[in-house]
Amino acid sequence: MLALLFAALLPFHGVVVAPAGNAEIVVRNDAITRTVPAQTRRYRLAPNVSLRPGTGVDAFLDRSTQPWTLRDPMAAAEFVAGLPHPGRVVPVDVGKPLPATTLVDQNGHLVQLASAFRGKTMLLSFIFTRCPDTDVCIAISTKYAQLQHELDPARFALVEISIDPPYDSPAVMRAYGKQFGSDPAIWTLLTGTGSTIERVLDEFGISSLQTDDDTYVHSDRLFIVTPQGRVAYIVETASWDPRGVIAEARAVDGMMSNPLERFKLSLMASIVSLCGGSQFAGIVMLETALFVIIVVVVTIALVIVGRVLWHRAA
């Protein structure tokens, strides 16, 4: 297993065509975007497992061997987006540890989600690279681009997980990160096999509905995770303010932080969630509420001053 941590691997899905003997099978595999075309070829299995013809298979593809090797293969259906099924997993919530899940980063390296970022406060979000919505994935990644310049990579980690494993290969994730100037010292982009991502979405409570061949409608949650690997805070919207998130992350890390920004983050996130995820409506409501509060405070102050002046005049 140690060798796998340093190998360049690719999330793989295909359908078994026939056994080929000597721990080898013939598989008709799906394309791995920008890396491997859809094709039918012979693969080695490591470890050797029994997979009947017609069975779907997920694995990590290792192209350093001849024939290519499918590592950790398992029977699996094609990835299907949908609503989370918390009854099938242990849901991730505040105070709970991260799940023991193996994903693949933008460089094709295996990442153990529960342990890879120990010792750092982690900010974790979900995106997909083909997302056309500037208020969701693009907005999240744009804010990550800001956060990476304001958080110390020795103490913090920024992580995005793809919800679109059939398309978001490591090469695609790497190119996506470059669009935002991602610094690999602090910012990691993760993808995985379809079966793994389905389980991760269940665990983190992320709904994901495919509306056409390349677009998903999905829920948005930002997880702030302690250096010990436990969830400390969840923001239920993509419309979070980087200043508030920085303040909350610093507090989770045990550093001094701005309590006003933390309060605004909590208030804004709650209002936006009540508004169905609309940042504009949330901002309007927040500004209206602040205006009303200011008017009330000023009115009370004027009344008090008026009474004092009245008594003095009397």
Protein backbone atom coordinates (compact mmCIF):
# COMPACT_ATOMS: atom_id res chain seq x y z
CA MET A 1 0.00 0.00 0.00
CA LEU A 2 2.90 2.38 0.72
CA ALA A 3 4.01 2.22 -2.91
CA LEU A 4 0.53 3.23 -4.04
CA LEU A 5 0.76 6.45 -2.06
CA PHE A 6 3.50 7.66 -4.41
CA ALA A 7 2.23 6.21 -7.70
CA ALA A 8 0.31 8.29 -10.22
CA LEU A 9 -3.09 6.63 -10.29
CA LEU A 10 -6.35 7.35 -12.09
CA PRO A 11 -9.94 6.69 -10.95
CA PHE A 12 -11.23 4.01 -13.32
CA HIS A 13 -14.59 2.52 -14.31
CA GLY A 14 -15.34 -0.14 -16.87
CA VAL A 15 -17.27 -3.33 -17.60
CA VAL A 16 -15.65 -6.76 -17.54
CA VAL A 17 -15.65 -8.42 -20.97
CA ALA A 18 -13.88 -11.69 -20.17
CA PRO A 19 -11.31 -13.27 -17.85
CA ALA A 20 -7.81 -13.50 -19.32
CA GLY A 21 -6.13 -15.85 -16.81
CA ASN A 22 -3.18 -15.20 -14.48
CA ALA A 23 -5.02 -12.50 -12.47
CA GLU A 24 -5.90 -10.65 -15.67
CA ILE A 25 -9.19 -9.59 -17.25
CA VAL A 26 -10.38 -7.86 -20.40
CA VAL A 27 -12.33 -4.69 -19.62
CA ARG A 28 -14.22 -2.19 -21.74
CA ASN A 29 -13.39 1.00 -19.88
CA ASP A 30 -14.95 4.44 -19.89
CA ALA A 31 -12.80 7.34 -21.06
CA ILE A 32 -10.70 9.07 -18.42
CA THR A 33 -10.98 12.68 -19.54
CA ARG A 34 -7.84 14.11 -21.20
CA THR A 35 -5.90 10.98 -20.25
CA VAL A 36 -7.18 7.60 -21.48
CA PRO A 37 -9.72 7.00 -24.28
CA ALA A 38 -12.63 4.59 -24.02
CA GLN A 39 -11.25 1.23 -25.15
CA THR A 40 -11.23 -2.51 -24.57
CA ARG A 41 -7.97 -4.00 -23.34
CA ARG A 42 -6.37 -6.47 -20.96
CA TYR A 43 -5.62 -5.43 -17.38
CA ARG A 44 -3.89 -7.05 -14.43
CA LEU A 45 -5.80 -7.20 -11.13
CA ALA A 46 -4.11 -6.35 -7.82
CA PRO A 47 -5.29 -7.99 -5.73
CA ASN A 48 -6.87 -10.70 -7.83
CA VAL A 49 -10.66 -10.72 -7.32
CA SER A 50 -13.41 -12.64 -9.06
CA LEU A 51 -15.31 -10.42 -11.51
CA ARG A 52 -17.77 -11.98 -13.91
CA PRO A 53 -18.27 -10.80 -17.50
CA GLY A 54 -20.80 -7.97 -17.61
CA THR A 55 -19.87 -6.75 -14.12
CA GLY A 56 -19.01 -3.08 -13.64
CA VAL A 57 -15.67 -2.44 -11.96
CA ASP A 58 -14.16 0.56 -10.15
CA ALA A 59 -10.43 0.69 -9.47
CA PHE A 60 -7.31 2.83 -9.46
CA LEU A 61 -5.54 2.54 -12.80
CA ASP A 62 -1.75 2.16 -12.64
CA ARG A 63 -0.17 2.64 -16.08
CA SER A 64 3.39 1.99 -14.89
CA THR A 65 3.06 -1.77 -15.43
CA GLN A 66 2.58 -4.02 -18.46
CA PRO A 67 -0.23 -4.79 -18.80
CA TRP A 68 -1.75 -1.87 -16.95
CA THR A 69 -2.88 -2.74 -13.44
CA LEU A 70 -6.26 -2.18 -11.81
CA ARG A 71 -5.46 -1.66 -8.13
CA ASP A 72 -8.06 -2.26 -5.41
CA PRO A 73 -10.70 -3.36 -7.96
CA MET A 74 -14.28 -3.79 -6.81
CA ALA A 75 -17.61 -4.54 -8.45
CA ALA A 76 -19.43 -1.23 -8.96
CA ALA A 77 -22.19 0.27 -11.06
CA GLU A 78 -21.81 3.49 -13.04
CA PHE A 79 -21.87 6.71 -11.02
CA VAL A 80 -25.38 8.12 -10.59
CA ALA A 81 -26.02 11.53 -9.06
CA GLY A 82 -28.88 11.80 -6.59
CA LEU A 83 -30.07 12.73 -3.16
CA PRO A 84 -27.86 11.64 -0.24
CA HIS A 85 -28.74 8.42 1.61
CA PRO A 86 -27.58 9.06 5.18
CA GLY A 87 -29.04 5.72 6.29
CA ARG A 88 -26.31 3.87 4.36
CA VAL A 89 -23.41 5.69 6.04
CA VAL A 90 -22.32 7.48 9.20
CA PRO A 91 -23.25 11.11 8.39
CA VAL A 92 -20.57 13.76 8.85
CA ASP A 93 -21.68 16.43 11.30
CA VAL A 94 -20.22 18.89 13.79
CA GLY A 95 -18.01 17.03 16.23
CA LYS A 96 -17.73 13.96 13.99
CA PRO A 97 -14.46 12.74 12.42
CA LEU A 98 -13.89 12.76 8.69
CA PRO A 99 -14.65 9.44 6.97
CA ALA A 100 -11.85 7.02 6.09
CA THR A 101 -12.06 7.59 2.35
CA THR A 102 -9.39 7.18 -0.33
CA LEU A 103 -9.50 9.83 -3.06
CA VAL A 104 -7.08 10.98 -5.77
CA ASP A 105 -5.57 14.46 -5.99
CA GLN A 106 -4.87 16.58 -9.06
CA ASN A 107 -1.48 14.89 -9.50
CA GLY A 108 -2.82 11.33 -9.38
CA HIS A 109 -1.69 10.65 -5.81
CA LEU A 110 -3.87 8.78 -3.36
CA VAL A 111 -5.16 10.89 -0.47
CA GLN A 112 -6.58 9.43 2.73
CA LEU A 113 -9.14 12.09 3.59
CA ALA A 114 -9.30 11.24 7.30
CA SER A 115 -5.56 11.57 7.88
CA ALA A 116 -3.82 13.42 5.03
CA PHE A 117 -4.51 16.87 6.45
CA ARG A 118 -4.03 16.12 10.16
CA GLY A 119 -2.26 18.92 11.96
CA LYS A 120 -3.93 21.57 9.79
CA THR A 121 -7.29 23.29 9.95
CA MET A 122 -9.05 22.30 6.73
CA LEU A 123 -11.71 24.07 4.68
CA LEU A 124 -13.61 21.53 2.57
CA SER A 125 -16.07 22.25 -0.26
CA PHE A 126 -17.69 20.40 -3.17
CA ILE A 127 -17.55 21.56 -6.80
CA PHE A 128 -17.49 20.25 -10.37
CA THR A 129 -15.29 21.73 -13.07
CA ARG A 130 -18.00 22.10 -15.75
CA CYS A 131 -20.24 24.12 -13.43
CA PRO A 132 -21.64 27.12 -15.36
CA ASP A 133 -23.06 28.89 -12.28
CA THR A 134 -20.94 31.85 -11.24
CA ASP A 135 -22.73 31.91 -7.87
CA VAL A 136 -21.76 28.36 -6.90
CA CYS A 137 -18.63 26.43 -7.95
CA ILE A 138 -16.92 29.35 -9.65
CA ALA A 139 -17.69 31.57 -6.67
CA ILE A 140 -16.34 28.98 -4.23
CA SER A 141 -13.10 28.54 -6.17
CA THR A 142 -12.69 32.30 -6.59
CA LYS A 143 -12.97 32.71 -2.83
CA TYR A 144 -10.51 29.85 -2.31
CA ALA A 145 -8.11 31.79 -4.55
CA GLN A 146 -8.37 34.67 -2.08
CA LEU A 147 -8.12 32.49 1.01
CA GLN A 148 -4.87 30.85 -0.14
CA HIS A 149 -3.14 34.24 0.08
CA GLU A 150 -4.50 35.02 3.55
CA LEU A 151 -4.05 31.68 5.33
CA ASP A 152 -0.72 30.13 6.32
CA PRO A 153 -0.18 26.85 4.38
CA ALA A 154 1.72 25.52 7.39
CA ARG A 155 -1.49 25.72 9.45
CA PHE A 156 -4.35 25.53 6.94
CA ALA A 157 -5.47 23.38 3.99
CA LEU A 158 -8.02 24.19 1.29
CA VAL A 159 -9.73 21.15 -0.24
CA GLU A 160 -12.29 20.82 -3.02
CA ILE A 161 -13.92 17.48 -3.92
CA SER A 162 -15.51 16.90 -7.32
CA ILE A 163 -19.10 15.68 -7.51
CA ASP A 164 -18.60 14.70 -11.18
CA PRO A 165 -16.20 11.72 -11.21
CA PRO A 166 -17.07 10.50 -14.74
CA TYR A 167 -15.57 13.71 -16.16
CA ASP A 168 -13.35 15.25 -13.47
CA SER A 169 -10.16 13.23 -13.87
CA PRO A 170 -6.95 14.33 -12.08
CA ALA A 171 -5.84 16.07 -15.30
CA VAL A 172 -9.11 18.02 -15.46
CA MET A 173 -8.88 18.95 -11.78
CA ARG A 174 -5.29 20.11 -12.27
CA ALA A 175 -6.29 22.33 -15.21
CA TYR A 176 -9.24 23.69 -13.23
CA GLY A 177 -6.97 24.62 -10.35
CA LYS A 178 -4.61 26.45 -12.68
CA GLN A 179 -7.51 28.63 -13.87
CA PHE A 180 -7.72 30.01 -10.34
CA GLY A 181 -3.97 30.11 -9.69
CA SER A 182 -4.21 27.36 -7.07
CA ASP A 183 -1.11 26.86 -4.92
CA PRO A 184 -0.62 23.11 -4.29
CA ALA A 185 1.11 23.96 -1.00
CA ILE A 186 -2.29 24.82 0.47
CA TRP A 187 -4.97 23.93 -2.11
CA THR A 188 -5.80 20.30 -3.01
CA LEU A 189 -8.37 19.24 -5.61
CA LEU A 190 -9.74 15.72 -5.18
CA THR A 191 -11.69 13.31 -7.32
CA GLY A 192 -12.28 9.56 -7.08
CA THR A 193 -14.02 6.50 -8.40
CA GLY A 194 -17.77 6.79 -8.91
CA SER A 195 -18.60 4.43 -6.06
CA THR A 196 -16.33 6.35 -3.68
CA ILE A 197 -17.76 9.75 -4.61
CA GLU A 198 -21.32 8.43 -4.22
CA ARG A 199 -20.47 7.33 -0.68
CA VAL A 200 -18.71 10.64 0.09
CA LEU A 201 -21.78 12.62 -1.04
CA ASP A 202 -23.93 10.45 1.23
CA GLU A 203 -21.55 10.97 4.16
CA PHE A 204 -21.35 14.76 3.77
CA GLY A 205 -25.05 15.16 2.96
CA ILE A 206 -24.52 16.65 -0.50
CA SER A 207 -27.42 16.33 -2.94
CA SER A 208 -26.44 16.14 -6.60
CA LEU A 209 -28.95 15.93 -9.43
CA GLN A 210 -27.82 15.69 -13.05
CA THR A 211 -29.87 18.00 -15.28
CA ASP A 212 -28.15 17.15 -18.59
CA ASP A 213 -24.99 15.43 -19.84
CA ASP A 214 -22.59 17.85 -18.15
CA THR A 215 -24.50 19.84 -15.53
CA TYR A 216 -25.49 19.10 -11.95
CA VAL A 217 -27.65 20.94 -9.47
CA HIS A 218 -26.18 20.34 -6.04
CA SER A 219 -26.34 21.56 -2.47
CA ASP A 220 -23.51 23.66 -1.06
CA ARG A 221 -21.81 23.14 2.29
CA LEU A 222 -18.47 24.40 3.58
CA PHE A 223 -16.88 22.24 6.29
CA ILE A 224 -14.24 23.67 8.63
CA VAL A 225 -12.29 20.78 10.15
CA THR A 226 -10.03 20.84 13.20
CA PRO A 227 -6.34 19.82 13.04
CA GLN A 228 -7.47 16.61 14.78
CA GLY A 229 -9.73 15.73 11.84
CA ARG A 230 -13.13 16.55 13.36
CA VAL A 231 -15.75 18.84 11.86
CA ALA A 232 -15.94 22.07 13.85
CA TYR A 233 -18.26 24.22 11.75
CA ILE A 234 -20.57 23.87 8.73
CA VAL A 235 -21.72 26.72 6.50
CA GLU A 236 -24.88 25.69 4.66
CA THR A 237 -24.41 27.90 1.58
CA ALA A 238 -21.85 28.80 -1.07
CA SER A 239 -22.52 32.50 -0.40
CA TRP A 240 -20.09 32.80 2.51
CA ASP A 241 -17.90 35.83 3.07
CA PRO A 242 -14.15 35.04 2.96
CA ARG A 243 -13.52 37.40 5.88
CA GLY A 244 -15.95 35.50 8.07
CA VAL A 245 -14.55 32.13 7.03
CA ILE A 246 -11.00 33.30 7.73
CA ALA A 247 -12.09 34.46 11.19
CA GLU A 248 -13.87 31.16 11.92
CA ALA A 249 -10.95 29.07 10.60
CA ARG A 250 -8.49 31.02 12.74
CA ALA A 251 -10.70 30.46 15.81
CA VAL A 252 -10.88 26.72 15.08
CA ASP A 253 -7.09 26.69 14.77
CA GLY A 254 -6.74 28.34 18.19
CA MET A 255 -5.61 31.70 16.81
CA MET A 256 -6.94 35.16 17.57
CA SER A 257 -9.81 36.06 15.25
CA ASN A 258 -12.38 38.76 14.62
CA PRO A 259 -15.55 37.94 16.61
CA LEU A 260 -17.63 40.42 14.58
CA GLU A 261 -16.73 38.64 11.32
CA ARG A 262 -17.59 35.28 12.90
CA PHE A 263 -20.96 36.63 13.98
CA LYS A 264 -21.61 38.05 10.51
CA LEU A 265 -20.67 34.69 8.94
CA SER A 266 -23.14 32.84 11.14
CA LEU A 267 -25.88 35.43 10.62
CA MET A 268 -25.37 35.71 6.86
CA ALA A 269 -25.25 31.94 6.37
CA SER A 270 -28.48 31.52 8.34
CA ILE A 271 -30.29 34.25 6.40
CA VAL A 272 -29.09 32.98 3.01
CA SER A 273 -30.20 29.44 3.90
CA LEU A 274 -33.65 30.77 4.85
CA CYS A 275 -33.78 32.55 1.49
CA GLY A 276 -33.25 29.31 -0.39
CA GLY A 277 -29.57 29.93 -1.05
CA SER A 278 -30.06 33.34 -2.69
CA GLN A 279 -27.10 35.51 -1.78
CA PHE A 280 -28.78 38.66 -3.14
CA ALA A 281 -31.93 38.12 -1.09
CA GLY A 282 -29.79 37.30 1.95
CA ILE A 283 -27.77 40.49 1.59
CA VAL A 284 -30.96 42.55 1.19
CA MET A 285 -32.47 40.99 4.31
CA LEU A 286 -29.25 41.42 6.29
CA GLU A 287 -28.86 45.06 5.26
CA THR A 288 -32.54 45.69 6.01
CA ALA A 289 -32.18 44.11 9.44
CA LEU A 290 -29.07 46.16 10.18
CA PHE A 291 -30.83 49.33 9.00
CA VAL A 292 -33.79 48.62 11.28
CA ILE A 293 -31.45 47.96 14.22
CA ILE A 294 -29.57 51.20 13.57
CA VAL A 295 -32.85 53.15 13.33
CA VAL A 296 -34.11 51.63 16.59
CA VAL A 297 -30.84 52.35 18.41
CA VAL A 298 -30.70 55.94 17.11
CA THR A 299 -34.36 56.49 18.02
CA ILE A 300 -33.83 55.19 21.54
CA ALA A 301 -30.73 57.36 21.90
CA LEU A 302 -32.62 60.44 20.71
CA VAL A 303 -35.47 59.71 23.11
CA ILE A 304 -33.04 59.37 26.02
CA VAL A 305 -31.21 62.57 25.08
CA GLY A 306 -34.54 64.37 24.64
CA ARG A 307 -35.71 63.33 28.09
CA VAL A 308 -32.44 64.43 29.69
CA LEU A 309 -32.64 67.82 28.00
CA TRP A 310 -36.33 68.14 28.94
CA HIS A 311 -35.61 67.45 32.62
CA ARG A 312 -32.72 69.92 32.63
CA ALA A 313 -34.88 72.57 31.02
CA ALA A 314 -37.61 71.92 33.56
